[in-house]
Amino acid sequence: MQQARITDNFRQQKNFDSISRTSRDKKQQKAPELPGAHGEAAVTNYDISAEERLLRAFDLATQYGPCTGMTRLERWQRAEQFGLNPPMQVKELLTGPQGEQLNQCLWDGRV
């Protein structure tokens, strides 16, 4: 009976010199950019204003409690009521002239 060698249990590594240059280049190509949720165009940080970035950060901050099922202003008021010290800039944006447009949470209609 022949004794098994330790190398019998490990896969051999390929020699990359034998792979053609074109197949290696195809593997290194970038993946195509995918659209955002629900078929929307993908949004980058460069596409949104500083105010929207601030509001999105407020939506994603778990220290102020859950944000689904209520507006941003309701969430800010609840956080203030519980003494969680939400950012005053968020309240100023939500009570300002564009407050009605900015009041919906990032997750509104998606969750």
PDB file of N, CA and C in Angstrom:
ATOM      1  N   MET A   1       0.843  -1.178   0.000  1.00  0.00           N
ATOM      2  CA  MET A   1       0.000   0.000   0.000  1.00  0.00           C
ATOM      3  C   MET A   1       0.892   1.246   0.000  1.00  0.00           C
ATOM      4  N   GLN A   2       0.530   2.205  -0.851  1.00  0.00           N
ATOM      5  CA  GLN A   2       1.348   3.406  -0.986  1.00  0.00           C
ATOM      6  C   GLN A   2       0.869   4.465   0.012  1.00  0.00           C
ATOM      7  N   GLN A   3       1.821   5.087   0.660  1.00  0.00           N
ATOM      8  CA  GLN A   3       1.498   6.104   1.668  1.00  0.00           C
ATOM      9  C   GLN A   3       1.171   7.426   0.976  1.00  0.00           C
ATOM     10  N   ALA A   4       0.102   8.107   1.459  1.00  0.00           N
ATOM     11  CA  ALA A   4      -0.315   9.384   0.870  1.00  0.00           C
ATOM     12  C   ALA A   4       0.682  10.479   1.232  1.00  0.00           C
ATOM     13  N   ARG A   5       0.916  11.348   0.271  1.00  0.00           N
ATOM     14  CA  ARG A   5       1.810  12.480   0.515  1.00  0.00           C
ATOM     15  C   ARG A   5       0.990  13.695   0.952  1.00  0.00           C
ATOM     16  N   ILE A   6       1.593  14.559   1.716  1.00  0.00           N
ATOM     17  CA  ILE A   6       0.887  15.752   2.197  1.00  0.00           C
ATOM     18  C   ILE A   6       0.486  16.665   1.041  1.00  0.00           C
ATOM     19  N   THR A   7       1.244  16.668  -0.028  1.00  0.00           N
ATOM     20  CA  THR A   7       0.926  17.529  -1.169  1.00  0.00           C
ATOM     21  C   THR A   7      -0.271  17.021  -1.958  1.00  0.00           C
ATOM     22  N   ASP A   8      -0.719  15.799  -1.705  1.00  0.00           N
ATOM     23  CA  ASP A   8      -1.902  15.281  -2.392  1.00  0.00           C
ATOM     24  C   ASP A   8      -3.183  15.980  -1.936  1.00  0.00           C
ATOM     25  N   ASN A   9      -3.159  16.627  -0.784  1.00  0.00           N
ATOM     26  CA  ASN A   9      -4.341  17.271  -0.229  1.00  0.00           C
ATOM     27  C   ASN A   9      -4.473  18.747  -0.583  1.00  0.00           C
ATOM     28  N   PHE A  10      -3.483  19.327  -1.222  1.00  0.00           N
ATOM     29  CA  PHE A  10      -3.511  20.751  -1.540  1.00  0.00           C
ATOM     30  C   PHE A  10      -3.576  20.951  -3.043  1.00  0.00           C
ATOM     31  N   ARG A  11      -4.348  21.953  -3.451  1.00  0.00           N
ATOM     32  CA  ARG A  11      -4.462  22.269  -4.874  1.00  0.00           C
ATOM     33  C   ARG A  11      -3.170  22.898  -5.357  1.00  0.00           C
ATOM     34  N   GLN A  12      -2.864  22.646  -6.590  1.00  0.00           N
ATOM     35  CA  GLN A  12      -1.683  23.261  -7.181  1.00  0.00           C
ATOM     36  C   GLN A  12      -2.007  24.678  -7.609  1.00  0.00           C
ATOM     37  N   GLN A  13      -1.028  25.549  -7.515  1.00  0.00           N
ATOM     38  CA  GLN A  13      -1.229  26.926  -7.953  1.00  0.00           C
ATOM     39  C   GLN A  13      -0.916  27.020  -9.434  1.00  0.00           C
ATOM     40  N   LYS A  14      -1.696  27.853 -10.120  1.00  0.00           N
ATOM     41  CA  LYS A  14      -1.491  28.020 -11.552  1.00  0.00           C
ATOM     42  C   LYS A  14      -0.273  28.882 -11.807  1.00  0.00           C
ATOM     43  N   ASN A  15       0.362  28.621 -12.904  1.00  0.00           N
ATOM     44  CA  ASN A  15       1.474  29.427 -13.355  1.00  0.00           C
ATOM     45  C   ASN A  15       0.897  30.543 -14.221  1.00  0.00           C
ATOM     46  N   PHE A  16       0.958  31.784 -13.754  1.00  0.00           N
ATOM     47  CA  PHE A  16       0.317  32.889 -14.449  1.00  0.00           C
ATOM     48  C   PHE A  16       1.019  33.268 -15.753  1.00  0.00           C
ATOM     49  N   ASP A  17       2.213  32.780 -15.961  1.00  0.00           N
ATOM     50  CA  ASP A  17       2.878  33.053 -17.230  1.00  0.00           C
ATOM     51  C   ASP A  17       2.202  32.315 -18.375  1.00  0.00           C
ATOM     52  N   SER A  18       1.513  31.212 -18.055  1.00  0.00           N
ATOM     53  CA  SER A  18       0.855  30.440 -19.095  1.00  0.00           C
ATOM     54  C   SER A  18      -0.499  31.033 -19.499  1.00  0.00           C
ATOM     55  N   ILE A  19      -1.054  31.923 -18.682  1.00  0.00           N
ATOM     56  CA  ILE A  19      -2.331  32.552 -19.008  1.00  0.00           C
ATOM     57  C   ILE A  19      -2.078  33.696 -19.977  1.00  0.00           C
ATOM     58  N   SER A  20      -2.884  33.782 -20.991  1.00  0.00           N
ATOM     59  CA  SER A  20      -2.669  34.831 -21.982  1.00  0.00           C
ATOM     60  C   SER A  20      -2.932  36.211 -21.374  1.00  0.00           C
ATOM     61  N   ARG A  21      -2.297  37.189 -21.932  1.00  0.00           N
ATOM     62  CA  ARG A  21      -2.400  38.549 -21.423  1.00  0.00           C
ATOM     63  C   ARG A  21      -3.828  39.081 -21.537  1.00  0.00           C
ATOM     64  N   THR A  22      -4.563  38.734 -22.584  1.00  0.00           N
ATOM     65  CA  THR A  22      -5.912  39.262 -22.769  1.00  0.00           C
ATOM     66  C   THR A  22      -6.870  38.729 -21.714  1.00  0.00           C
ATOM     67  N   SER A  23      -6.752  37.465 -21.352  1.00  0.00           N
ATOM     68  CA  SER A  23      -7.660  36.940 -20.331  1.00  0.00           C
ATOM     69  C   SER A  23      -7.354  37.559 -18.970  1.00  0.00           C
ATOM     70  N   ARG A  24      -6.102  37.859 -18.707  1.00  0.00           N
ATOM     71  CA  ARG A  24      -5.734  38.513 -17.454  1.00  0.00           C
ATOM     72  C   ARG A  24      -6.277  39.947 -17.435  1.00  0.00           C
ATOM     73  N   ASP A  25      -6.235  40.629 -18.576  1.00  0.00           N
ATOM     74  CA  ASP A  25      -6.760  41.986 -18.663  1.00  0.00           C
ATOM     75  C   ASP A  25      -8.275  42.009 -18.472  1.00  0.00           C
ATOM     76  N   LYS A  26      -8.970  40.998 -18.979  1.00  0.00           N
ATOM     77  CA  LYS A  26     -10.419  40.932 -18.815  1.00  0.00           C
ATOM     78  C   LYS A  26     -10.795  40.778 -17.351  1.00  0.00           C
ATOM     79  N   LYS A  27     -10.004  40.018 -16.608  1.00  0.00           N
ATOM     80  CA  LYS A  27     -10.291  39.820 -15.193  1.00  0.00           C
ATOM     81  C   LYS A  27     -10.090  41.099 -14.399  1.00  0.00           C
ATOM     82  N   GLN A  28      -9.211  41.983 -14.853  1.00  0.00           N
ATOM     83  CA  GLN A  28      -8.894  43.201 -14.123  1.00  0.00           C
ATOM     84  C   GLN A  28      -9.788  44.375 -14.514  1.00  0.00           C
ATOM     85  N   GLN A  29     -10.709  44.175 -15.456  1.00  0.00           N
ATOM     86  CA  GLN A  29     -11.595  45.258 -15.856  1.00  0.00           C
ATOM     87  C   GLN A  29     -12.540  45.607 -14.722  1.00  0.00           C
ATOM     88  N   LYS A  30     -12.898  46.880 -14.661  1.00  0.00           N
ATOM     89  CA  LYS A  30     -13.823  47.348 -13.627  1.00  0.00           C
ATOM     90  C   LYS A  30     -15.222  46.832 -13.886  1.00  0.00           C
ATOM     91  N   ALA A  31     -15.920  46.551 -12.802  1.00  0.00           N
ATOM     92  CA  ALA A  31     -17.321  46.146 -12.918  1.00  0.00           C
ATOM     93  C   ALA A  31     -18.146  47.371 -13.317  1.00  0.00           C
ATOM     94  N   PRO A  32     -19.218  47.188 -14.068  1.00  0.00           N
ATOM     95  CA  PRO A  32     -20.043  48.335 -14.463  1.00  0.00           C
ATOM     96  C   PRO A  32     -20.723  48.947 -13.242  1.00  0.00           C
ATOM     97  N   GLU A  33     -20.955  50.240 -13.314  1.00  0.00           N
ATOM     98  CA  GLU A  33     -21.597  50.936 -12.205  1.00  0.00           C
ATOM     99  C   GLU A  33     -23.079  50.572 -12.167  1.00  0.00           C
ATOM    100  N   LEU A  34     -23.561  50.161 -11.012  1.00  0.00           N
ATOM    101  CA  LEU A  34     -24.938  49.729 -10.870  1.00  0.00           C
ATOM    102  C   LEU A  34     -25.831  50.896 -10.474  1.00  0.00           C
ATOM    103  N   PRO A  35     -27.082  50.871 -10.897  1.00  0.00           N
ATOM    104  CA  PRO A  35     -28.000  51.942 -10.489  1.00  0.00           C
ATOM    105  C   PRO A  35     -28.354  51.818  -9.023  1.00  0.00           C
ATOM    106  N   GLY A  36     -28.925  52.872  -8.468  1.00  0.00           N
ATOM    107  CA  GLY A  36     -29.342  52.870  -7.072  1.00  0.00           C
ATOM    108  C   GLY A  36     -30.571  52.005  -6.860  1.00  0.00           C
ATOM    109  N   ALA A  37     -31.129  52.086  -5.695  1.00  0.00           N
ATOM    110  CA  ALA A  37     -32.298  51.286  -5.340  1.00  0.00           C
ATOM    111  C   ALA A  37     -33.508  51.699  -6.179  1.00  0.00           C
ATOM    112  N   HIS A  38     -34.353  50.763  -6.471  1.00  0.00           N
ATOM    113  CA  HIS A  38     -35.612  50.984  -7.190  1.00  0.00           C
ATOM    114  C   HIS A  38     -35.392  51.585  -8.582  1.00  0.00           C
ATOM    115  N   GLY A  39     -34.279  51.266  -9.223  1.00  0.00           N
ATOM    116  CA  GLY A  39     -34.036  51.732 -10.573  1.00  0.00           C
ATOM    117  C   GLY A  39     -33.619  53.187 -10.674  1.00  0.00           C
ATOM    118  N   GLU A  40     -33.387  53.839  -9.544  1.00  0.00           N
ATOM    119  CA  GLU A  40     -32.949  55.227  -9.570  1.00  0.00           C
ATOM    120  C   GLU A  40     -31.483  55.286  -9.976  1.00  0.00           C
ATOM    121  N   ALA A  41     -31.063  56.431 -10.447  1.00  0.00           N
ATOM    122  CA  ALA A  41     -29.654  56.597 -10.769  1.00  0.00           C
ATOM    123  C   ALA A  41     -28.849  56.599  -9.469  1.00  0.00           C
ATOM    124  N   ALA A  42     -27.658  56.051  -9.521  1.00  0.00           N
ATOM    125  CA  ALA A  42     -26.805  56.019  -8.338  1.00  0.00           C
ATOM    126  C   ALA A  42     -26.424  57.445  -7.960  1.00  0.00           C
ATOM    127  N   VAL A  43     -26.454  57.748  -6.678  1.00  0.00           N
ATOM    128  CA  VAL A  43     -26.150  59.087  -6.191  1.00  0.00           C
ATOM    129  C   VAL A  43     -24.808  59.046  -5.476  1.00  0.00           C
ATOM    130  N   THR A  44     -23.941  59.964  -5.826  1.00  0.00           N
ATOM    131  CA  THR A  44     -22.656  60.057  -5.143  1.00  0.00           C
ATOM    132  C   THR A  44     -22.677  61.276  -4.229  1.00  0.00           C
ATOM    133  N   ASN A  45     -21.677  61.381  -3.383  1.00  0.00           N
ATOM    134  CA  ASN A  45     -21.603  62.517  -2.464  1.00  0.00           C
ATOM    135  C   ASN A  45     -21.423  63.839  -3.208  1.00  0.00           C
ATOM    136  N   TYR A  46     -20.944  63.782  -4.435  1.00  0.00           N
ATOM    137  CA  TYR A  46     -20.747  65.008  -5.198  1.00  0.00           C
ATOM    138  C   TYR A  46     -22.059  65.526  -5.779  1.00  0.00           C
ATOM    139  N   ASP A  47     -23.064  64.650  -5.865  1.00  0.00           N
ATOM    140  CA  ASP A  47     -24.340  65.022  -6.463  1.00  0.00           C
ATOM    141  C   ASP A  47     -25.287  65.713  -5.494  1.00  0.00           C
ATOM    142  N   ILE A  48     -25.003  65.678  -4.201  1.00  0.00           N
ATOM    143  CA  ILE A  48     -25.929  66.234  -3.216  1.00  0.00           C
ATOM    144  C   ILE A  48     -25.298  67.427  -2.507  1.00  0.00           C
ATOM    145  N   SER A  49     -26.158  68.280  -1.992  1.00  0.00           N
ATOM    146  CA  SER A  49     -25.689  69.492  -1.325  1.00  0.00           C
ATOM    147  C   SER A  49     -25.205  69.184   0.091  1.00  0.00           C
ATOM    148  N   ALA A  50     -24.559  70.146   0.699  1.00  0.00           N
ATOM    149  CA  ALA A  50     -24.066  69.986   2.072  1.00  0.00           C
ATOM    150  C   ALA A  50     -25.231  69.813   3.040  1.00  0.00           C
ATOM    151  N   GLU A  51     -26.346  70.507   2.773  1.00  0.00           N
ATOM    152  CA  GLU A  51     -27.515  70.381   3.632  1.00  0.00           C
ATOM    153  C   GLU A  51     -28.083  68.959   3.570  1.00  0.00           C
ATOM    154  N   GLU A  52     -28.162  68.405   2.364  1.00  0.00           N
ATOM    155  CA  GLU A  52     -28.679  67.046   2.207  1.00  0.00           C
ATOM    156  C   GLU A  52     -27.746  66.030   2.868  1.00  0.00           C
ATOM    157  N   ARG A  53     -26.438  66.268   2.772  1.00  0.00           N
ATOM    158  CA  ARG A  53     -25.480  65.384   3.455  1.00  0.00           C
ATOM    159  C   ARG A  53     -25.685  65.405   4.959  1.00  0.00           C
ATOM    160  N   LEU A  54     -25.933  66.586   5.510  1.00  0.00           N
ATOM    161  CA  LEU A  54     -26.182  66.726   6.947  1.00  0.00           C
ATOM    162  C   LEU A  54     -27.456  65.972   7.349  1.00  0.00           C
ATOM    163  N   LEU A  55     -28.506  66.113   6.544  1.00  0.00           N
ATOM    164  CA  LEU A  55     -29.767  65.433   6.850  1.00  0.00           C
ATOM    165  C   LEU A  55     -29.641  63.920   6.721  1.00  0.00           C
ATOM    166  N   ARG A  56     -28.883  63.460   5.736  1.00  0.00           N
ATOM    167  CA  ARG A  56     -28.667  62.017   5.586  1.00  0.00           C
ATOM    168  C   ARG A  56     -27.861  61.471   6.753  1.00  0.00           C
ATOM    169  N   ALA A  57     -26.888  62.224   7.219  1.00  0.00           N
ATOM    170  CA  ALA A  57     -26.112  61.794   8.385  1.00  0.00           C
ATOM    171  C   ALA A  57     -27.014  61.715   9.613  1.00  0.00           C
ATOM    172  N   PHE A  58     -27.952  62.650   9.738  1.00  0.00           N
ATOM    173  CA  PHE A  58     -28.921  62.610  10.830  1.00  0.00           C
ATOM    174  C   PHE A  58     -29.806  61.372  10.714  1.00  0.00           C
ATOM    175  N   ASP A  59     -30.233  61.037   9.496  1.00  0.00           N
ATOM    176  CA  ASP A  59     -31.062  59.844   9.283  1.00  0.00           C
ATOM    177  C   ASP A  59     -30.312  58.567   9.667  1.00  0.00           C
ATOM    178  N   LEU A  60     -29.035  58.527   9.393  1.00  0.00           N
ATOM    179  CA  LEU A  60     -28.250  57.315   9.632  1.00  0.00           C
ATOM    180  C   LEU A  60     -27.700  57.217  11.053  1.00  0.00           C
ATOM    181  N   ALA A  61     -27.800  58.283  11.830  1.00  0.00           N
ATOM    182  CA  ALA A  61     -27.301  58.267  13.207  1.00  0.00           C
ATOM    183  C   ALA A  61     -28.302  57.528  14.094  1.00  0.00           C
ATOM    184  N   THR A  62     -27.907  56.383  14.601  1.00  0.00           N
ATOM    185  CA  THR A  62     -28.812  55.575  15.412  1.00  0.00           C
ATOM    186  C   THR A  62     -28.985  56.122  16.822  1.00  0.00           C
ATOM    187  N   GLN A  63     -28.143  57.029  17.236  1.00  0.00           N
ATOM    188  CA  GLN A  63     -28.234  57.560  18.600  1.00  0.00           C
ATOM    189  C   GLN A  63     -29.495  58.372  18.833  1.00  0.00           C
ATOM    190  N   TYR A  64     -30.181  58.793  17.763  1.00  0.00           N
ATOM    191  CA  TYR A  64     -31.415  59.572  17.911  1.00  0.00           C
ATOM    192  C   TYR A  64     -32.663  58.702  17.773  1.00  0.00           C
ATOM    193  N   GLY A  65     -32.511  57.407  17.735  1.00  0.00           N
ATOM    194  CA  GLY A  65     -33.641  56.492  17.649  1.00  0.00           C
ATOM    195  C   GLY A  65     -33.994  56.166  16.216  1.00  0.00           C
ATOM    196  N   PRO A  66     -34.977  55.272  16.036  1.00  0.00           N
ATOM    197  CA  PRO A  66     -35.376  54.863  14.684  1.00  0.00           C
ATOM    198  C   PRO A  66     -35.992  56.019  13.906  1.00  0.00           C
ATOM    199  N   CYS A  67     -35.852  55.961  12.578  1.00  0.00           N
ATOM    200  CA  CYS A  67     -36.350  57.073  11.762  1.00  0.00           C
ATOM    201  C   CYS A  67     -37.463  56.663  10.817  1.00  0.00           C
ATOM    202  N   THR A  68     -37.858  55.403  10.819  1.00  0.00           N
ATOM    203  CA  THR A  68     -38.931  54.993   9.916  1.00  0.00           C
ATOM    204  C   THR A  68     -40.294  55.312  10.517  1.00  0.00           C
ATOM    205  N   GLY A  69     -41.227  55.694   9.669  1.00  0.00           N
ATOM    206  CA  GLY A  69     -42.581  55.970  10.121  1.00  0.00           C
ATOM    207  C   GLY A  69     -42.798  57.365  10.652  1.00  0.00           C
ATOM    208  N   MET A  70     -41.826  58.248  10.541  1.00  0.00           N
ATOM    209  CA  MET A  70     -41.986  59.628  11.004  1.00  0.00           C
ATOM    210  C   MET A  70     -41.132  60.551  10.144  1.00  0.00           C
ATOM    211  N   THR A  71     -41.445  61.817  10.206  1.00  0.00           N
ATOM    212  CA  THR A  71     -40.672  62.795   9.450  1.00  0.00           C
ATOM    213  C   THR A  71     -39.390  63.120  10.213  1.00  0.00           C
ATOM    214  N   ARG A  72     -38.497  63.796   9.531  1.00  0.00           N
ATOM    215  CA  ARG A  72     -37.239  64.187  10.178  1.00  0.00           C
ATOM    216  C   ARG A  72     -37.485  65.143  11.341  1.00  0.00           C
ATOM    217  N   LEU A  73     -38.424  66.061  11.164  1.00  0.00           N
ATOM    218  CA  LEU A  73     -38.708  67.019  12.226  1.00  0.00           C
ATOM    219  C   LEU A  73     -39.303  66.321  13.437  1.00  0.00           C
ATOM    220  N   GLU A  74     -40.202  65.356  13.236  1.00  0.00           N
ATOM    221  CA  GLU A  74     -40.765  64.592  14.356  1.00  0.00           C
ATOM    222  C   GLU A  74     -39.662  63.825  15.085  1.00  0.00           C
ATOM    223  N   ARG A  75     -38.741  63.265  14.331  1.00  0.00           N
ATOM    224  CA  ARG A  75     -37.631  62.531  14.950  1.00  0.00           C
ATOM    225  C   ARG A  75     -36.728  63.474  15.735  1.00  0.00           C
ATOM    226  N   TRP A  76     -36.456  64.656  15.156  1.00  0.00           N
ATOM    227  CA  TRP A  76     -35.621  65.630  15.852  1.00  0.00           C
ATOM    228  C   TRP A  76     -36.298  66.039  17.167  1.00  0.00           C
ATOM    229  N   GLN A  77     -37.603  66.313  17.116  1.00  0.00           N
ATOM    230  CA  GLN A  77     -38.333  66.722  18.316  1.00  0.00           C
ATOM    231  C   GLN A  77     -38.355  65.616  19.371  1.00  0.00           C
ATOM    232  N   ARG A  78     -38.522  64.369  18.947  1.00  0.00           N
ATOM    233  CA  ARG A  78     -38.499  63.260  19.893  1.00  0.00           C
ATOM    234  C   ARG A  78     -37.117  63.124  20.540  1.00  0.00           C
ATOM    235  N   ALA A  79     -36.067  63.273  19.743  1.00  0.00           N
ATOM    236  CA  ALA A  79     -34.709  63.191  20.291  1.00  0.00           C
ATOM    237  C   ALA A  79     -34.464  64.326  21.281  1.00  0.00           C
ATOM    238  N   GLU A  80     -34.960  65.517  20.977  1.00  0.00           N
ATOM    239  CA  GLU A  80     -34.828  66.659  21.882  1.00  0.00           C
ATOM    240  C   GLU A  80     -35.594  66.405  23.176  1.00  0.00           C
ATOM    241  N   GLN A  81     -36.767  65.827  23.069  1.00  0.00           N
ATOM    242  CA  GLN A  81     -37.603  65.532  24.236  1.00  0.00           C
ATOM    243  C   GLN A  81     -36.910  64.535  25.175  1.00  0.00           C
ATOM    244  N   PHE A  82     -36.189  63.568  24.591  1.00  0.00           N
ATOM    245  CA  PHE A  82     -35.485  62.578  25.404  1.00  0.00           C
ATOM    246  C   PHE A  82     -34.095  63.032  25.824  1.00  0.00           C
ATOM    247  N   GLY A  83     -33.722  64.254  25.510  1.00  0.00           N
ATOM    248  CA  GLY A  83     -32.433  64.799  25.930  1.00  0.00           C
ATOM    249  C   GLY A  83     -31.241  64.233  25.184  1.00  0.00           C
ATOM    250  N   LEU A  84     -31.427  63.874  23.913  1.00  0.00           N
ATOM    251  CA  LEU A  84     -30.346  63.282  23.126  1.00  0.00           C
ATOM    252  C   LEU A  84     -29.518  64.319  22.369  1.00  0.00           C
ATOM    253  N   ASN A  85     -29.844  65.584  22.494  1.00  0.00           N
ATOM    254  CA  ASN A  85     -29.117  66.697  21.882  1.00  0.00           C
ATOM    255  C   ASN A  85     -28.886  66.525  20.379  1.00  0.00           C
ATOM    256  N   PRO A  86     -29.966  66.499  19.587  1.00  0.00           N
ATOM    257  CA  PRO A  86     -29.786  66.413  18.129  1.00  0.00           C
ATOM    258  C   PRO A  86     -29.201  67.723  17.598  1.00  0.00           C
ATOM    259  N   PRO A  87     -28.569  67.700  16.437  1.00  0.00           N
ATOM    260  CA  PRO A  87     -27.939  68.908  15.892  1.00  0.00           C
ATOM    261  C   PRO A  87     -28.959  70.016  15.617  1.00  0.00           C
ATOM    262  N   MET A  88     -28.660  71.197  16.090  1.00  0.00           N
ATOM    263  CA  MET A  88     -29.543  72.348  15.893  1.00  0.00           C
ATOM    264  C   MET A  88     -29.630  72.732  14.416  1.00  0.00           C
ATOM    265  N   GLN A  89     -28.569  72.477  13.656  1.00  0.00           N
ATOM    266  CA  GLN A  89     -28.568  72.797  12.220  1.00  0.00           C
ATOM    267  C   GLN A  89     -29.672  72.037  11.489  1.00  0.00           C
ATOM    268  N   VAL A  90     -29.948  70.803  11.928  1.00  0.00           N
ATOM    269  CA  VAL A  90     -30.993  69.995  11.300  1.00  0.00           C
ATOM    270  C   VAL A  90     -32.345  70.657  11.508  1.00  0.00           C
ATOM    271  N   LYS A  91     -32.624  71.132  12.733  1.00  0.00           N
ATOM    272  CA  LYS A  91     -33.903  71.791  12.999  1.00  0.00           C
ATOM    273  C   LYS A  91     -34.029  73.076  12.192  1.00  0.00           C
ATOM    274  N   GLU A  92     -32.942  73.829  12.090  1.00  0.00           N
ATOM    275  CA  GLU A  92     -32.969  75.073  11.311  1.00  0.00           C
ATOM    276  C   GLU A  92     -33.299  74.787   9.846  1.00  0.00           C
ATOM    277  N   LEU A  93     -32.731  73.708   9.296  1.00  0.00           N
ATOM    278  CA  LEU A  93     -33.027  73.351   7.905  1.00  0.00           C
ATOM    279  C   LEU A  93     -34.484  72.921   7.739  1.00  0.00           C
ATOM    280  N   LEU A  94     -34.986  72.149   8.700  1.00  0.00           N
ATOM    281  CA  LEU A  94     -36.337  71.607   8.584  1.00  0.00           C
ATOM    282  C   LEU A  94     -37.425  72.635   8.861  1.00  0.00           C
ATOM    283  N   THR A  95     -37.123  73.678   9.607  1.00  0.00           N
ATOM    284  CA  THR A  95     -38.114  74.723   9.875  1.00  0.00           C
ATOM    285  C   THR A  95     -37.932  75.925   8.956  1.00  0.00           C
ATOM    286  N   GLY A  96     -36.927  75.886   8.098  1.00  0.00           N
ATOM    287  CA  GLY A  96     -36.668  76.975   7.162  1.00  0.00           C
ATOM    288  C   GLY A  96     -37.610  76.953   5.980  1.00  0.00           C
ATOM    289  N   PRO A  97     -37.331  77.782   4.974  1.00  0.00           N
ATOM    290  CA  PRO A  97     -38.223  77.897   3.814  1.00  0.00           C
ATOM    291  C   PRO A  97     -38.349  76.611   2.989  1.00  0.00           C
ATOM    292  N   GLN A  98     -37.333  75.772   2.966  1.00  0.00           N
ATOM    293  CA  GLN A  98     -37.398  74.525   2.197  1.00  0.00           C
ATOM    294  C   GLN A  98     -37.706  73.330   3.093  1.00  0.00           C
ATOM    295  N   GLY A  99     -38.170  73.564   4.294  1.00  0.00           N
ATOM    296  CA  GLY A  99     -38.396  72.512   5.269  1.00  0.00           C
ATOM    297  C   GLY A  99     -39.342  71.426   4.815  1.00  0.00           C
ATOM    298  N   GLU A 100     -40.409  71.788   4.114  1.00  0.00           N
ATOM    299  CA  GLU A 100     -41.385  70.794   3.657  1.00  0.00           C
ATOM    300  C   GLU A 100     -40.764  69.820   2.656  1.00  0.00           C
ATOM    301  N   GLN A 101     -39.876  70.305   1.805  1.00  0.00           N
ATOM    302  CA  GLN A 101     -39.233  69.448   0.815  1.00  0.00           C
ATOM    303  C   GLN A 101     -38.204  68.522   1.461  1.00  0.00           C
ATOM    304  N   LEU A 102     -37.554  68.958   2.518  1.00  0.00           N
ATOM    305  CA  LEU A 102     -36.483  68.196   3.148  1.00  0.00           C
ATOM    306  C   LEU A 102     -36.946  67.331   4.310  1.00  0.00           C
ATOM    307  N   ASN A 103     -38.218  67.370   4.633  1.00  0.00           N
ATOM    308  CA  ASN A 103     -38.711  66.756   5.857  1.00  0.00           C
ATOM    309  C   ASN A 103     -38.787  65.233   5.805  1.00  0.00           C
ATOM    310  N   GLN A 104     -38.846  64.636   4.628  1.00  0.00           N
ATOM    311  CA  GLN A 104     -38.975  63.187   4.531  1.00  0.00           C
ATOM    312  C   GLN A 104     -37.630  62.502   4.775  1.00  0.00           C
ATOM    313  N   CYS A 105     -37.682  61.429   5.537  1.00  0.00           N
ATOM    314  CA  CYS A 105     -36.514  60.644   5.904  1.00  0.00           C
ATOM    315  C   CYS A 105     -35.882  60.001   4.661  1.00  0.00           C
ATOM    316  N   LEU A 106     -34.622  59.674   4.762  1.00  0.00           N
ATOM    317  CA  LEU A 106     -33.906  59.000   3.689  1.00  0.00           C
ATOM    318  C   LEU A 106     -34.571  57.693   3.304  1.00  0.00           C
ATOM    319  N   TRP A 107     -35.182  57.005   4.271  1.00  0.00           N
ATOM    320  CA  TRP A 107     -35.788  55.690   4.048  1.00  0.00           C
ATOM    321  C   TRP A 107     -37.260  55.776   3.652  1.00  0.00           C
ATOM    322  N   ASP A 108     -37.832  56.961   3.557  1.00  0.00           N
ATOM    323  CA  ASP A 108     -39.251  57.107   3.235  1.00  0.00           C
ATOM    324  C   ASP A 108     -39.561  56.506   1.872  1.00  0.00           C
ATOM    325  N   GLY A 109     -40.496  55.551   1.846  1.00  0.00           N
ATOM    326  CA  GLY A 109     -40.894  54.916   0.605  1.00  0.00           C
ATOM    327  C   GLY A 109     -39.982  53.784   0.162  1.00  0.00           C
ATOM    328  N   ARG A 110     -38.921  53.514   0.880  1.00  0.00           N
ATOM    329  CA  ARG A 110     -37.987  52.462   0.501  1.00  0.00           C
ATOM    330  C   ARG A 110     -38.040  51.268   1.455  1.00  0.00           C
ATOM    331  N   VAL A 111     -38.507  51.503   2.667  1.00  0.00           N
ATOM    332  CA  VAL A 111     -38.523  50.431   3.667  1.00  0.00           C
ATOM    333  C   VAL A 111     -39.943  50.012   3.924  1.00  0.00           C
TER     334      VAL A 111
END
